[in-house]
Amino acid sequence: MAFWTTFWTVVLIIGVALFAVLSVVVTIGGWFDIRALFESIKAQHTEAETEDRDPR
């Protein structure tokens, strides 16, 4: 019985560790994606303003 207790404890620890690592990776990647999104929106907004002012 001690084998199964040890086995499932190890499986649980590995699962929680993988979850923690993936959570950090996804959070960091999401942060960069959101930052790029806002930079893109700002660039489009600036471009639209200059097109509105251009009297062609």
C-alpha atoms as a PDB file:
ATOM      1  CA  MET A   1       0.000   0.000   0.000  1.00  0.00           C
ATOM      2  CA  ALA A   2       2.894   2.375   0.672  1.00  0.00           C
ATOM      3  CA  PHE A   3       3.920   2.076  -2.978  1.00  0.00           C
ATOM      4  CA  TRP A   4       0.610   3.486  -4.215  1.00  0.00           C
ATOM      5  CA  THR A   5       0.671   6.321  -1.704  1.00  0.00           C
ATOM      6  CA  THR A   6       4.160   7.276  -2.846  1.00  0.00           C
ATOM      7  CA  PHE A   7       3.248   6.836  -6.506  1.00  0.00           C
ATOM      8  CA  TRP A   8       0.185   9.093  -6.361  1.00  0.00           C
ATOM      9  CA  THR A   9       2.034  11.661  -4.239  1.00  0.00           C
ATOM     10  CA  VAL A  10       4.739  11.875  -6.906  1.00  0.00           C
ATOM     11  CA  VAL A  11       2.142  12.071  -9.698  1.00  0.00           C
ATOM     12  CA  LEU A  12       0.318  14.868  -7.841  1.00  0.00           C
ATOM     13  CA  ILE A  13       3.524  16.837  -7.234  1.00  0.00           C
ATOM     14  CA  ILE A  14       4.563  16.508 -10.889  1.00  0.00           C
ATOM     15  CA  GLY A  15       1.106  17.603 -12.052  1.00  0.00           C
ATOM     16  CA  VAL A  16       1.056  20.648  -9.769  1.00  0.00           C
ATOM     17  CA  ALA A  17       4.605  21.592 -10.799  1.00  0.00           C
ATOM     18  CA  LEU A  18       3.728  21.358 -14.511  1.00  0.00           C
ATOM     19  CA  PHE A  19       0.617  23.445 -13.931  1.00  0.00           C
ATOM     20  CA  ALA A  20       2.638  26.103 -12.104  1.00  0.00           C
ATOM     21  CA  VAL A  21       5.265  26.285 -14.859  1.00  0.00           C
ATOM     22  CA  LEU A  22       2.674  26.445 -17.642  1.00  0.00           C
ATOM     23  CA  SER A  23       0.725  29.116 -15.757  1.00  0.00           C
ATOM     24  CA  VAL A  24       3.804  31.323 -15.582  1.00  0.00           C
ATOM     25  CA  VAL A  25       4.655  30.754 -19.270  1.00  0.00           C
ATOM     26  CA  VAL A  26       1.108  31.521 -20.428  1.00  0.00           C
ATOM     27  CA  THR A  27       0.906  34.610 -18.205  1.00  0.00           C
ATOM     28  CA  ILE A  28       4.166  36.012 -19.554  1.00  0.00           C
ATOM     29  CA  GLY A  29       3.194  35.247 -23.153  1.00  0.00           C
ATOM     30  CA  GLY A  30      -0.226  36.806 -22.634  1.00  0.00           C
ATOM     31  CA  TRP A  31       1.336  39.929 -21.180  1.00  0.00           C
ATOM     32  CA  PHE A  32       3.476  40.410 -24.287  1.00  0.00           C
ATOM     33  CA  ASP A  33       0.497  39.721 -26.569  1.00  0.00           C
ATOM     34  CA  ILE A  34      -1.677  42.283 -24.787  1.00  0.00           C
ATOM     35  CA  ARG A  35       1.133  44.824 -24.905  1.00  0.00           C
ATOM     36  CA  ALA A  36       1.529  44.254 -28.661  1.00  0.00           C
ATOM     37  CA  LEU A  37      -2.251  44.565 -29.080  1.00  0.00           C
ATOM     38  CA  PHE A  38      -2.333  47.966 -27.390  1.00  0.00           C
ATOM     39  CA  GLU A  39       0.670  49.167 -29.398  1.00  0.00           C
ATOM     40  CA  SER A  40      -1.109  48.092 -32.589  1.00  0.00           C
ATOM     41  CA  ILE A  41      -4.305  49.868 -31.558  1.00  0.00           C
ATOM     42  CA  LYS A  42      -2.333  53.009 -30.754  1.00  0.00           C
ATOM     43  CA  ALA A  43      -0.576  52.898 -34.144  1.00  0.00           C
ATOM     44  CA  GLN A  44      -3.883  52.431 -35.982  1.00  0.00           C
ATOM     45  CA  HIS A  45      -5.445  55.286 -34.023  1.00  0.00           C
ATOM     46  CA  THR A  46      -2.506  57.580 -34.806  1.00  0.00           C
ATOM     47  CA  GLU A  47      -2.649  56.586 -38.478  1.00  0.00           C
ATOM     48  CA  ALA A  48      -6.372  57.276 -38.645  1.00  0.00           C
ATOM     49  CA  GLU A  49      -5.884  60.711 -37.069  1.00  0.00           C
ATOM     50  CA  THR A  50      -3.189  61.670 -39.610  1.00  0.00           C
ATOM     51  CA  GLU A  51      -5.397  60.480 -42.481  1.00  0.00           C
ATOM     52  CA  ASP A  52      -8.244  62.637 -41.172  1.00  0.00           C
ATOM     53  CA  ARG A  53      -5.986  65.711 -41.096  1.00  0.00           C
ATOM     54  CA  ASP A  54      -4.477  65.101 -44.550  1.00  0.00           C
ATOM     55  CA  PRO A  55      -6.380  67.402 -46.971  1.00  0.00           C
ATOM     56  CA  ARG A  56      -5.935  65.465 -50.209  1.00  0.00           C
END
